[in-house]
Amino acid sequence: MSEPLSQADVEQAWPQWKTWEGTDQMCHARRAGGAALTETGEDWPDLADQIRRAEAMLEASLLAHLPGNDWRSLSPPGAHAESGRR
């Protein structure tokens, strides 16, 4: 995909994000569904980069919380068993 250059390009690339240009002359976006995310960029290509990073972080966070992705699954079986003392 080529670099989005306009508001329409950003909205087409990420339809789940609502975009607008603020009175501060910055480009803004809010994720309309799921995780409540907002991003700001100096221009539309910068905002596209911010959205791309936010989506990557969100995906990584969701994957980290899937069953079986616990840090304990990286240890040998029984390494975190209770000692049995009470």
Protein backbone atom coordinates (compact mmCIF):
# COMPACT_ATOMS: atom_id res chain seq x y z
CA MET A 1 0.00 0.00 0.00
CA SER A 2 1.34 3.43 -0.84
CA GLU A 3 1.53 6.06 1.86
CA PRO A 4 -1.93 7.63 2.52
CA LEU A 5 -1.76 11.30 1.62
CA SER A 6 -5.27 12.58 2.27
CA GLN A 7 -8.02 12.24 4.84
CA ALA A 8 -9.97 10.05 2.40
CA ASP A 9 -6.95 7.76 1.98
CA VAL A 10 -6.62 7.35 5.77
CA GLU A 11 -10.34 6.65 6.18
CA GLN A 12 -10.25 4.11 3.36
CA ALA A 13 -7.19 2.35 4.81
CA TRP A 14 -8.64 2.21 8.36
CA PRO A 15 -12.46 2.33 8.12
CA GLN A 16 -12.84 1.66 11.88
CA TRP A 17 -11.22 5.08 12.56
CA LYS A 18 -13.12 8.39 12.30
CA THR A 19 -10.89 11.30 11.25
CA TRP A 20 -11.10 15.09 11.34
CA GLU A 21 -8.93 18.18 11.15
CA GLY A 22 -9.05 20.12 14.40
CA THR A 23 -9.03 23.84 15.03
CA ASP A 24 -5.40 23.31 16.05
CA GLN A 25 -4.65 22.45 12.37
CA MET A 26 -3.70 18.92 13.46
CA CYS A 27 -5.17 15.73 12.04
CA HIS A 28 -7.06 13.63 14.57
CA ALA A 29 -8.52 10.11 14.61
CA ARG A 30 -10.63 8.10 17.01
CA ARG A 31 -11.18 4.36 16.81
CA ALA A 32 -14.94 3.98 16.50
CA GLY A 33 -15.26 0.41 17.72
CA GLY A 34 -13.54 -1.86 20.18
CA ALA A 35 -10.62 -0.32 22.02
CA ALA A 36 -10.97 3.39 22.77
CA LEU A 37 -7.96 4.86 20.99
CA THR A 38 -7.22 8.38 19.77
CA GLU A 39 -4.28 9.59 17.72
CA THR A 40 -3.02 12.96 16.47
CA GLY A 41 -0.67 13.75 13.61
CA GLU A 42 0.88 16.85 12.07
CA ASP A 43 -0.55 15.85 8.68
CA TRP A 44 -2.41 12.89 7.14
CA PRO A 45 0.69 10.75 6.46
CA ASP A 46 1.85 11.33 10.06
CA LEU A 47 -1.61 10.40 11.35
CA ALA A 48 -1.50 7.23 9.21
CA ASP A 49 1.80 6.29 10.90
CA GLN A 50 0.28 6.91 14.34
CA ILE A 51 -2.76 4.74 13.51
CA ARG A 52 -0.50 1.99 12.15
CA ARG A 53 1.50 1.98 15.40
CA ALA A 54 -1.65 2.04 17.55
CA GLU A 55 -3.15 -0.90 15.66
CA ALA A 56 0.12 -2.88 15.98
CA MET A 57 0.26 -2.20 19.73
CA LEU A 58 -3.39 -3.18 20.13
CA GLU A 59 -2.85 -6.41 18.22
CA ALA A 60 0.23 -7.25 20.30
CA SER A 61 -1.71 -6.55 23.49
CA LEU A 62 -4.61 -8.75 22.42
CA LEU A 63 -2.28 -11.58 21.40
CA ALA A 64 -0.49 -11.37 24.74
CA HIS A 65 -3.78 -12.01 26.54
CA LEU A 66 -4.82 -15.09 24.56
CA PRO A 67 -4.92 -18.36 26.50
CA GLY A 68 -1.54 -20.07 26.41
CA ASN A 69 0.40 -16.83 25.99
CA ASP A 70 1.09 -16.47 29.69
CA TRP A 71 4.71 -15.88 30.67
CA ARG A 72 4.51 -19.08 32.72
CA SER A 73 4.01 -21.08 29.52
CA LEU A 74 7.64 -20.25 28.67
CA SER A 75 8.90 -22.08 31.80
CA PRO A 76 9.35 -25.84 32.15
CA PRO A 77 6.28 -27.69 33.49
CA GLY A 78 6.10 -27.61 37.27
CA ALA A 79 8.47 -24.67 37.62
CA HIS A 80 5.72 -22.58 39.22
CA ALA A 81 3.99 -25.31 41.23
CA GLU A 82 2.99 -24.43 44.75
CA SER A 83 5.43 -25.60 47.40
CA GLY A 84 2.74 -27.39 49.35
CA ARG A 85 3.49 -25.49 52.59
CA ARG A 86 0.57 -23.87 54.36
